[in-house]
Amino acid sequence: MEPAITTIDDLNTYLRAALQLEHATIPPYLTALYSLHPESNSDARHILRVVVVEEMLHLTLVANLMNAVGGKPDLTQAGFVPDYPVCLPDGERDFQVSLQPFCGGAVRTFLNIERPRQAPSHEARLVRRTRPARQLLAVRPADPAMQYYSIGEFYAEITHGVQYLHAKYADEGKALFIGDLARQVTSEYFYSGGGEAIPITDLSSAMAALSLIAEQGEGLGGGIFDGAGELAHYYRFEQLQRGQYYAKGDKPGQPSGPPLEIDWDAVYPVATDAKLANYPEGSQLHAAAREFNESYAGFLEFVTRAFNGRPELLLEAVWRMFRLRDDMNRLIRNPIPGVLGVHAGPTFELAR
């Protein structure tokens, strides 16, 4: 069956959606991470921090693929940062991704995001959505009413499209991978600890990058560890739910490692899906929320420059991302005046 991606424009459309999808998980993970009280929940803090850095790696790999086929990654385009809550691929049951504090509900959402679900058939890989009012990520660009069954199915479509175009171009005596090698981010400029940035120059390296994203996120292929021996995101989050670490040789759903300690009360009660309008005009919280949004917009502009010919800038990117913590803490550690028991939170409302 002919894939949905049959032209280079189709591929770049899907890759732009992939950039948006990979980024969309970062604000919720950061909000949960910084809602944890200082000096508490070291296990949860470590898991969330590792996943955030690896999501940045996935973002980088998608950018490398875009550059490899002559595209232009752009994290500053209008609407790139979603309006939370947002709908991601969801399989058979609907769920939305919110900005919320670390809690059981947040962990369940993270598991839904990363769950390793394969459609029962080729035809079933697309799901018709019933919430048109919400922004949908990883939609089928040719038919925005349809959503992919899972993130894995979305990336499987991209994989099929790259393979199709490579063969098509080869038959026509042309090359698919024509991008400037100087725009590729290599491990020299980005290393996450859970995988290296893969420069994409041919079909083999493109497949390796796409495979890493799928394996590291969802643990596709039946194992809980990716090809580098690192625990996939789904199973990292499952440890939080089960209160126990996975060990080498464990099977899915059967962790046998040390206990994982969580203090569910050592968390700031951050407002879910806070908006700038929730903070009184002229108040310190309103100013802090506005300044955070400006800082985050600056961060995305910085990363865009790195992806467009300045890969050395990524040596600072992760550091800059976590430096945003100070701006987030100005919100997260302060109650909203007049709202009992609820603290402020970042809104991630950028110009649209």
Protein backbone atom coordinates (compact mmCIF):
# COMPACT_ATOMS: atom_id res chain seq x y z
CA MET A 1 0.00 0.00 0.00
CA GLU A 2 1.34 3.44 -0.94
CA PRO A 3 2.34 5.45 2.15
CA ALA A 4 0.78 8.77 3.09
CA ILE A 5 4.14 10.46 2.48
CA THR A 6 4.90 10.45 -1.25
CA THR A 7 6.61 13.83 -1.77
CA ILE A 8 9.34 15.77 -0.03
CA ASP A 9 6.74 18.39 0.94
CA ASP A 10 4.68 15.64 2.60
CA LEU A 11 7.74 14.48 4.52
CA ASN A 12 8.60 17.96 5.76
CA THR A 13 4.98 18.47 6.83
CA TYR A 14 5.16 15.32 8.93
CA LEU A 15 8.55 16.27 10.33
CA ARG A 16 7.27 19.69 11.39
CA ALA A 17 4.45 17.87 13.20
CA ALA A 18 7.05 15.56 14.79
CA LEU A 19 9.02 18.56 16.07
CA GLN A 20 5.85 19.97 17.62
CA LEU A 21 4.89 16.60 19.08
CA GLU A 22 8.29 15.99 20.69
CA HIS A 23 8.34 19.46 22.16
CA ALA A 24 4.76 19.24 23.46
CA THR A 25 5.80 16.75 26.15
CA ILE A 26 8.54 18.99 27.57
CA PRO A 27 6.40 21.69 29.30
CA PRO A 28 4.26 19.08 31.17
CA TYR A 29 7.36 17.15 32.25
CA LEU A 30 9.11 20.34 33.39
CA THR A 31 6.04 21.53 35.31
CA ALA A 32 5.81 18.20 37.17
CA LEU A 33 9.58 18.19 37.80
CA TYR A 34 9.73 21.64 39.36
CA SER A 35 6.57 21.14 41.39
CA LEU A 36 8.57 18.75 43.61
CA HIS A 37 9.74 20.22 46.88
CA PRO A 38 13.50 20.83 47.06
CA GLU A 39 15.46 18.03 48.74
CA SER A 40 12.56 15.60 48.28
CA ASN A 41 11.58 12.87 45.84
CA SER A 42 15.05 12.33 44.44
CA ASP A 43 13.91 9.22 42.55
CA ALA A 44 11.06 11.00 40.76
CA ARG A 45 13.25 14.04 40.15
CA HIS A 46 15.92 11.92 38.46
CA ILE A 47 13.43 10.08 36.24
CA LEU A 48 11.73 13.27 35.08
CA ARG A 49 15.02 15.04 34.43
CA VAL A 50 16.39 12.14 32.35
CA VAL A 51 13.21 11.97 30.27
CA VAL A 52 13.24 15.73 29.59
CA VAL A 53 16.84 15.58 28.33
CA GLU A 54 16.01 12.59 26.13
CA GLU A 55 13.00 14.43 24.68
CA MET A 56 15.45 17.17 23.71
CA LEU A 57 17.50 14.46 22.00
CA HIS A 58 14.42 13.31 20.07
CA LEU A 59 13.75 16.92 19.04
CA THR A 60 17.33 17.13 17.81
CA LEU A 61 17.08 13.89 15.82
CA VAL A 62 13.94 15.09 14.05
CA ALA A 63 15.72 18.37 13.24
CA ASN A 64 18.67 16.39 11.85
CA LEU A 65 16.32 14.46 9.56
CA MET A 66 14.69 17.69 8.37
CA ASN A 67 18.08 19.19 7.62
CA ALA A 68 19.21 16.00 5.88
CA VAL A 69 16.41 16.26 3.31
CA GLY A 70 16.75 20.02 2.82
CA GLY A 71 14.10 21.17 5.28
CA LYS A 72 14.33 24.00 7.81
CA PRO A 73 13.49 23.29 11.47
CA ASP A 74 11.59 26.13 13.12
CA LEU A 75 10.51 26.08 16.77
CA THR A 76 9.32 29.69 16.65
CA GLN A 77 6.43 29.38 14.19
CA ALA A 78 3.01 30.47 15.41
CA GLY A 79 1.21 27.70 17.27
CA PHE A 80 4.33 25.59 17.79
CA VAL A 81 3.78 25.59 21.56
CA PRO A 82 0.32 24.11 22.10
CA ASP A 83 -2.51 25.58 24.10
CA TYR A 84 -2.72 23.17 27.05
CA PRO A 85 -4.58 20.91 27.58
CA VAL A 86 -3.77 19.36 24.22
CA CYS A 87 -4.63 16.07 22.52
CA LEU A 88 -1.84 13.71 21.53
CA PRO A 89 -2.14 10.30 19.86
CA ASP A 90 -4.34 8.27 22.16
CA GLY A 91 -5.28 4.87 20.82
CA GLU A 92 -8.82 3.83 21.65
CA ARG A 93 -9.42 6.05 24.67
CA ASP A 94 -9.33 9.81 24.71
CA PHE A 95 -7.00 11.70 27.01
CA GLN A 96 -5.54 15.17 27.17
CA VAL A 97 -2.13 16.38 28.26
CA SER A 98 -2.20 19.12 30.89
CA LEU A 99 0.31 21.26 32.73
CA GLN A 100 -0.10 19.97 36.28
CA PRO A 101 1.90 19.20 39.43
CA PHE A 102 3.49 15.83 40.06
CA CYS A 103 0.72 13.47 41.17
CA GLY A 104 -0.81 10.12 40.33
CA GLY A 105 -2.87 11.70 37.56
CA ALA A 106 0.22 13.27 35.99
CA VAL A 107 2.03 9.93 35.99
CA ARG A 108 -0.97 8.25 34.34
CA THR A 109 -0.92 10.93 31.66
CA PHE A 110 2.81 10.40 31.08
CA LEU A 111 2.19 6.67 30.68
CA ASN A 112 -0.57 7.40 28.16
CA ILE A 113 1.80 9.63 26.18
CA GLU A 114 4.54 7.02 26.01
CA ARG A 115 2.55 3.79 25.93
CA PRO A 116 3.79 1.21 23.38
CA ARG A 117 0.64 0.63 21.37
CA GLN A 118 0.60 -0.92 17.92
CA ALA A 119 -2.54 -0.70 15.81
CA PRO A 120 -4.21 -4.09 15.25
CA SER A 121 -4.17 -3.51 11.48
CA HIS A 122 -2.84 -1.09 8.89
CA GLU A 123 -6.29 0.40 8.46
CA ALA A 124 -6.73 0.89 12.22
CA ARG A 125 -3.59 3.00 12.63
CA LEU A 126 -5.73 6.12 12.14
CA VAL A 127 -8.40 7.09 14.68
CA ARG A 128 -11.18 9.61 14.11
CA ARG A 129 -11.16 12.24 16.81
CA THR A 130 -14.27 13.49 18.61
CA ARG A 131 -12.86 16.66 20.20
CA PRO A 132 -12.42 19.12 17.34
CA ALA A 133 -12.27 22.08 19.72
CA ARG A 134 -8.90 20.98 21.12
CA GLN A 135 -5.62 21.25 19.30
CA LEU A 136 -4.59 17.88 17.92
CA LEU A 137 -0.95 16.88 17.57
CA ALA A 138 0.38 14.23 15.17
CA VAL A 139 -2.72 14.46 13.05
CA ARG A 140 -2.65 13.20 9.51
CA PRO A 141 -1.83 16.44 7.64
CA ALA A 142 -3.98 15.47 4.65
CA ASP A 143 -6.95 14.79 6.96
CA PRO A 144 -6.73 16.71 10.27
CA ALA A 145 -9.86 14.96 11.59
CA MET A 146 -7.82 11.76 11.81
CA GLN A 147 -5.32 11.06 14.59
CA TYR A 148 -2.67 8.37 14.65
CA TYR A 149 -3.36 5.43 16.95
CA SER A 150 -0.16 6.12 18.89
CA ILE A 151 3.06 8.05 18.66
CA GLY A 152 4.67 4.83 17.46
CA GLU A 153 2.24 4.60 14.53
CA PHE A 154 2.91 8.24 13.67
CA TYR A 155 6.64 7.57 13.47
CA ALA A 156 6.04 4.34 11.56
CA GLU A 157 4.33 6.47 8.89
CA ILE A 158 7.38 8.74 8.72
CA THR A 159 9.67 5.71 8.49
CA HIS A 160 7.64 4.27 5.60
CA GLY A 161 7.66 7.64 3.88
CA VAL A 162 11.43 8.03 4.11
CA GLN A 163 11.94 4.53 2.72
CA TYR A 164 9.46 5.18 -0.11
CA LEU A 165 11.06 8.49 -1.09
CA HIS A 166 14.59 7.08 -0.93
CA ALA A 167 13.64 4.30 -3.35
CA LYS A 168 11.69 6.69 -5.58
CA TYR A 169 14.56 9.17 -5.79
CA ALA A 170 17.07 6.39 -6.45
CA ASP A 171 14.94 5.16 -9.37
CA GLU A 172 14.99 8.69 -10.77
CA GLY A 173 18.76 9.00 -10.33
CA LYS A 174 18.41 11.59 -7.57
CA ALA A 175 19.42 11.73 -3.91
CA LEU A 176 17.01 12.23 -1.02
CA PHE A 177 19.64 13.22 1.53
CA ILE A 178 20.96 16.46 0.06
CA GLY A 179 21.27 18.58 3.20
CA ASP A 180 24.34 20.52 4.29
CA LEU A 181 26.39 18.31 6.63
CA ALA A 182 27.39 21.39 8.63
CA ARG A 183 23.78 21.66 9.84
CA GLN A 184 23.84 18.19 11.42
CA VAL A 185 23.99 18.04 15.21
CA THR A 186 26.49 15.38 16.28
CA SER A 187 27.43 13.92 19.66
CA GLU A 188 30.12 16.58 19.80
CA TYR A 189 27.37 19.11 20.44
CA PHE A 190 24.70 17.05 22.20
CA TYR A 191 25.00 14.04 24.47
CA SER A 192 22.09 13.05 26.70
CA GLY A 193 23.58 10.15 28.64
CA GLY A 194 20.84 7.94 27.24
CA GLY A 195 21.80 8.17 23.60
CA GLU A 196 23.86 10.22 21.20
CA ALA A 197 22.80 12.62 18.49
CA ILE A 198 22.94 10.76 15.18
CA PRO A 199 24.08 12.75 12.13
CA ILE A 200 21.78 11.77 9.25
CA THR A 201 23.44 11.40 5.89
CA ASP A 202 21.75 8.37 4.32
CA LEU A 203 18.90 5.90 4.70
CA SER A 204 20.73 3.80 7.30
CA SER A 205 21.37 6.74 9.67
CA ALA A 206 17.80 8.01 9.15
CA MET A 207 16.40 4.61 10.16
CA ALA A 208 18.71 4.52 13.18
CA ALA A 209 17.49 7.91 14.37
CA LEU A 210 13.80 7.07 13.93
CA SER A 211 14.32 3.73 15.65
CA LEU A 212 16.00 5.41 18.62
CA ILE A 213 13.07 7.79 19.07
CA ALA A 214 10.55 4.95 19.03
CA GLU A 215 12.54 2.58 21.23
CA GLN A 216 13.57 5.19 23.76
CA GLY A 217 10.09 6.62 24.09
CA GLU A 218 7.77 3.65 23.96
CA GLY A 219 9.99 0.61 24.10
CA LEU A 220 8.71 -0.64 20.76
CA GLY A 221 9.91 -4.05 19.67
CA GLY A 222 8.72 -5.85 22.79
CA GLY A 223 11.53 -4.96 25.18
CA ILE A 224 11.63 -2.53 28.05
CA PHE A 225 15.16 -1.38 27.22
CA ASP A 226 16.20 0.43 24.06
CA GLY A 227 19.06 -0.56 21.79
CA ALA A 228 21.53 1.28 24.02
CA GLY A 229 20.38 -0.63 27.10
CA GLU A 230 18.48 2.34 28.55
CA LEU A 231 15.01 1.96 30.03
CA ALA A 232 12.31 3.29 27.69
CA HIS A 233 10.30 6.28 28.91
CA TYR A 234 7.10 4.30 29.38
CA TYR A 235 8.82 1.94 31.81
CA ARG A 236 10.66 4.76 33.58
CA PHE A 237 7.28 6.28 34.38
CA GLU A 238 5.79 2.91 35.27
CA GLN A 239 8.39 2.66 38.02
CA LEU A 240 6.82 5.75 39.61
CA GLN A 241 3.41 4.14 39.50
CA ARG A 242 4.58 0.78 40.88
CA GLY A 243 7.05 2.17 43.40
CA GLN A 244 9.80 -0.17 42.22
CA TYR A 245 12.71 -0.03 39.80
CA TYR A 246 13.16 -2.30 36.82
CA ALA A 247 16.28 -4.47 36.72
CA LYS A 248 18.10 -6.03 33.80
CA GLY A 249 16.23 -9.09 32.57
CA ASP A 250 12.83 -7.98 33.88
CA LYS A 251 9.71 -8.40 31.79
CA PRO A 252 7.20 -5.59 31.13
CA GLY A 253 4.98 -5.01 34.14
CA GLN A 254 7.22 -7.09 36.44
CA PRO A 255 9.92 -4.85 37.96
CA SER A 256 12.16 -6.65 40.44
CA GLY A 257 14.63 -3.93 41.37
CA PRO A 258 14.92 -1.82 44.54
CA PRO A 259 11.91 0.03 45.91
CA LEU A 260 11.33 3.54 44.65
CA GLU A 261 10.31 6.01 47.34
CA ILE A 262 7.80 8.77 46.59
CA ASP A 263 6.38 11.39 48.93
CA TRP A 264 3.23 12.41 47.09
CA ASP A 265 2.64 15.24 49.59
CA ALA A 266 6.03 16.92 49.04
CA VAL A 267 4.70 18.73 46.00
CA TYR A 268 3.61 22.32 45.43
CA PRO A 269 -0.14 22.41 44.53
CA VAL A 270 0.36 24.05 41.14
CA ALA A 271 -2.73 25.21 39.28
CA THR A 272 -3.58 22.89 36.40
CA ASP A 273 -3.34 24.50 32.96
CA ALA A 274 -2.85 27.97 34.42
CA LYS A 275 -3.34 30.95 32.12
CA LEU A 276 -1.91 34.45 32.32
CA ALA A 277 -5.46 35.72 32.82
CA ASN A 278 -5.61 33.78 36.12
CA TYR A 279 -3.10 36.21 37.65
CA PRO A 280 -4.29 39.74 38.53
CA GLU A 281 -3.09 42.36 36.05
CA GLY A 282 -0.26 44.36 37.60
CA SER A 283 0.55 41.69 40.20
CA GLN A 284 4.00 40.17 40.73
CA LEU A 285 2.68 36.79 39.62
CA HIS A 286 1.34 38.25 36.39
CA ALA A 287 4.71 39.86 35.68
CA ALA A 288 6.58 36.65 36.57
CA ALA A 289 4.36 34.56 34.28
CA ARG A 290 4.79 37.01 31.42
CA GLU A 291 8.57 37.10 31.91
CA PHE A 292 8.74 33.31 31.93
CA ASN A 293 6.86 33.14 28.64
CA GLU A 294 9.29 35.63 27.13
CA SER A 295 12.25 33.62 28.42
CA TYR A 296 10.84 30.40 27.01
CA ALA A 297 10.23 32.02 23.64
CA GLY A 298 13.87 33.11 23.72
CA PHE A 299 14.94 29.54 24.47
CA LEU A 300 13.03 28.18 21.46
CA GLU A 301 14.57 30.87 19.26
CA PHE A 302 18.03 29.88 20.55
CA VAL A 303 17.44 26.20 19.74
CA THR A 304 16.10 27.12 16.29
CA ARG A 305 19.36 28.96 15.57
CA ALA A 306 21.27 25.86 16.66
CA PHE A 307 19.25 23.66 14.31
CA ASN A 308 19.85 26.04 11.40
CA GLY A 309 23.60 26.03 11.04
CA ARG A 310 24.86 26.75 14.58
CA PRO A 311 24.97 23.28 16.18
CA GLU A 312 27.62 24.40 18.66
CA LEU A 313 24.95 26.44 20.43
CA LEU A 314 23.40 23.20 21.70
CA LEU A 315 26.30 22.90 24.13
CA GLU A 316 24.34 25.50 26.11
CA ALA A 317 20.80 24.40 25.29
CA VAL A 318 20.20 21.86 28.09
CA TRP A 319 21.83 24.21 30.59
CA ARG A 320 19.61 27.06 29.39
CA MET A 321 16.52 24.84 29.63
CA PHE A 322 17.17 23.99 33.24
CA ARG A 323 18.08 27.59 34.03
CA LEU A 324 14.43 28.32 33.27
CA ARG A 325 13.85 26.55 36.58
CA ASP A 326 14.49 29.80 38.47
CA ASP A 327 11.77 31.58 36.50
CA MET A 328 9.39 28.65 37.03
CA ASN A 329 10.09 28.57 40.76
CA ARG A 330 9.04 32.21 41.08
CA LEU A 331 5.59 30.99 40.07
CA ILE A 332 5.39 27.46 41.46
CA ARG A 333 6.44 28.37 45.00
CA ASN A 334 3.90 31.16 45.41
CA PRO A 335 0.17 30.84 46.18
CA ILE A 336 -2.34 32.57 43.92
CA PRO A 337 -3.92 35.41 45.94
CA GLY A 338 -7.51 34.66 46.81
CA VAL A 339 -7.32 31.02 45.70
CA LEU A 340 -6.92 28.82 48.76
CA GLY A 341 -4.39 26.01 48.48
CA VAL A 342 -3.41 26.65 44.86
CA HIS A 343 -0.03 27.86 43.65
CA ALA A 344 0.81 29.62 40.43
CA GLY A 345 2.38 27.78 37.52
CA PRO A 346 3.97 28.54 34.15
CA THR A 347 1.48 29.08 31.34
CA PHE A 348 3.69 28.56 28.27
CA GLU A 349 1.52 31.06 26.39
CA LEU A 350 3.66 32.31 23.53
CA ALA A 351 2.69 34.59 20.67
CA ARG A 352 0.45 32.62 18.31
